[in-house]
Amino acid sequence: MPTILRVGPYRLYFYSHEPNEPPHIHIDGDKSSAKFWLEPVSLGNNLGFSGKEVRKVESIVQKNQQTLLEARQ
């Protein structure tokens, strides 16, 4: 699980072997976790983030979309 980015309490990472899914990133924060698709940026799964936090994390993913896509290659 290489960490690609840390922003405040959030860690953005991907699993090295998930060949049957479109590009996405996993995000952990405190006791919550989410998955965002990267093309286009959209929420794939949310376990514990409030709506406000989801929007905040989505903004982080959006701002770093190109970096995240490049890191997956």
C-alpha atoms as a PDB file:
ATOM      1  CA  MET A   1       0.000   0.000   0.000  1.00  0.00           C
ATOM      2  CA  PRO A   2       2.227   2.821  -1.183  1.00  0.00           C
ATOM      3  CA  THR A   3       1.250   6.177   0.315  1.00  0.00           C
ATOM      4  CA  ILE A   4       1.034   8.771  -2.443  1.00  0.00           C
ATOM      5  CA  LEU A   5       0.010  11.835  -0.469  1.00  0.00           C
ATOM      6  CA  ARG A   6      -0.709  12.991   3.073  1.00  0.00           C
ATOM      7  CA  VAL A   7      -2.908  16.012   3.672  1.00  0.00           C
ATOM      8  CA  GLY A   8      -3.740  16.816   7.285  1.00  0.00           C
ATOM      9  CA  PRO A   9      -5.260  13.690   8.822  1.00  0.00           C
ATOM     10  CA  TYR A  10      -5.775  12.018   5.416  1.00  0.00           C
ATOM     11  CA  ARG A  11      -3.554   9.396   3.817  1.00  0.00           C
ATOM     12  CA  LEU A  12      -4.062   8.730   0.116  1.00  0.00           C
ATOM     13  CA  TYR A  13      -2.744   5.417  -1.164  1.00  0.00           C
ATOM     14  CA  PHE A  14      -3.373   2.607  -3.612  1.00  0.00           C
ATOM     15  CA  TYR A  15      -2.964  -1.131  -3.532  1.00  0.00           C
ATOM     16  CA  SER A  16      -0.252  -2.320  -5.872  1.00  0.00           C
ATOM     17  CA  HIS A  17      -2.398  -5.047  -7.462  1.00  0.00           C
ATOM     18  CA  GLU A  18      -6.017  -4.296  -8.321  1.00  0.00           C
ATOM     19  CA  PRO A  19      -6.035  -5.073 -12.052  1.00  0.00           C
ATOM     20  CA  ASN A  20      -9.788  -5.344 -12.664  1.00  0.00           C
ATOM     21  CA  GLU A  21     -10.849  -1.912 -11.468  1.00  0.00           C
ATOM     22  CA  PRO A  22     -10.627   1.529 -13.061  1.00  0.00           C
ATOM     23  CA  PRO A  23      -8.036   3.968 -11.635  1.00  0.00           C
ATOM     24  CA  HIS A  24      -8.899   4.866  -8.053  1.00  0.00           C
ATOM     25  CA  ILE A  25      -7.348   5.949  -4.773  1.00  0.00           C
ATOM     26  CA  HIS A  26      -8.013   4.875  -1.189  1.00  0.00           C
ATOM     27  CA  ILE A  27      -8.195   7.492   1.561  1.00  0.00           C
ATOM     28  CA  ASP A  28      -7.939   6.869   5.299  1.00  0.00           C
ATOM     29  CA  GLY A  29      -8.534   9.423   8.018  1.00  0.00           C
ATOM     30  CA  ASP A  30      -8.733   8.669  11.718  1.00  0.00           C
ATOM     31  CA  LYS A  31     -11.237   5.773  11.800  1.00  0.00           C
ATOM     32  CA  SER A  32     -12.785   6.386   8.367  1.00  0.00           C
ATOM     33  CA  SER A  33     -11.989   5.151   4.886  1.00  0.00           C
ATOM     34  CA  ALA A  34     -13.130   5.911   1.344  1.00  0.00           C
ATOM     35  CA  LYS A  35     -12.365   5.059  -2.260  1.00  0.00           C
ATOM     36  CA  PHE A  36     -12.524   7.596  -5.077  1.00  0.00           C
ATOM     37  CA  TRP A  37     -12.512   6.856  -8.786  1.00  0.00           C
ATOM     38  CA  LEU A  38     -10.034   9.106 -10.584  1.00  0.00           C
ATOM     39  CA  GLU A  39     -11.548   9.402 -14.075  1.00  0.00           C
ATOM     40  CA  PRO A  40     -13.807  11.241 -13.452  1.00  0.00           C
ATOM     41  CA  VAL A  41     -13.288  11.960  -9.767  1.00  0.00           C
ATOM     42  CA  SER A  42     -16.234  10.457  -7.917  1.00  0.00           C
ATOM     43  CA  LEU A  43     -16.919   8.637  -4.677  1.00  0.00           C
ATOM     44  CA  GLY A  44     -16.719   4.872  -4.983  1.00  0.00           C
ATOM     45  CA  ASN A  45     -17.145   3.856  -1.351  1.00  0.00           C
ATOM     46  CA  ASN A  46     -17.367   5.565   2.038  1.00  0.00           C
ATOM     47  CA  LEU A  47     -16.971   3.988   5.447  1.00  0.00           C
ATOM     48  CA  GLY A  48     -17.362   6.554   8.198  1.00  0.00           C
ATOM     49  CA  PHE A  49     -16.620   9.956   6.661  1.00  0.00           C
ATOM     50  CA  SER A  50     -19.292  12.598   7.236  1.00  0.00           C
ATOM     51  CA  GLY A  51     -20.735  14.379   4.222  1.00  0.00           C
ATOM     52  CA  LYS A  52     -18.576  17.404   4.995  1.00  0.00           C
ATOM     53  CA  GLU A  53     -15.429  15.260   5.142  1.00  0.00           C
ATOM     54  CA  VAL A  54     -16.328  13.478   1.895  1.00  0.00           C
ATOM     55  CA  ARG A  55     -16.553  16.837   0.132  1.00  0.00           C
ATOM     56  CA  LYS A  56     -13.222  17.914   1.659  1.00  0.00           C
ATOM     57  CA  VAL A  57     -11.487  14.684   0.603  1.00  0.00           C
ATOM     58  CA  GLU A  58     -13.064  14.862  -2.856  1.00  0.00           C
ATOM     59  CA  SER A  59     -11.599  18.354  -3.219  1.00  0.00           C
ATOM     60  CA  ILE A  60      -8.145  17.019  -2.275  1.00  0.00           C
ATOM     61  CA  VAL A  61      -8.466  14.223  -4.831  1.00  0.00           C
ATOM     62  CA  GLN A  62      -9.672  16.689  -7.485  1.00  0.00           C
ATOM     63  CA  LYS A  63      -6.749  19.072  -6.874  1.00  0.00           C
ATOM     64  CA  ASN A  64      -4.239  16.200  -7.060  1.00  0.00           C
ATOM     65  CA  GLN A  65      -5.901  14.106  -9.765  1.00  0.00           C
ATOM     66  CA  GLN A  66      -3.001  14.241 -12.238  1.00  0.00           C
ATOM     67  CA  THR A  67      -0.402  13.371  -9.579  1.00  0.00           C
ATOM     68  CA  LEU A  68      -2.516  10.449  -8.392  1.00  0.00           C
ATOM     69  CA  LEU A  69      -3.012   9.124 -11.920  1.00  0.00           C
ATOM     70  CA  GLU A  70       0.709   9.347 -12.642  1.00  0.00           C
ATOM     71  CA  ALA A  71       1.572   7.527  -9.406  1.00  0.00           C
ATOM     72  CA  ARG A  72      -0.573   4.536 -10.434  1.00  0.00           C
ATOM     73  CA  GLN A  73       1.468   3.911 -13.565  1.00  0.00           C
END
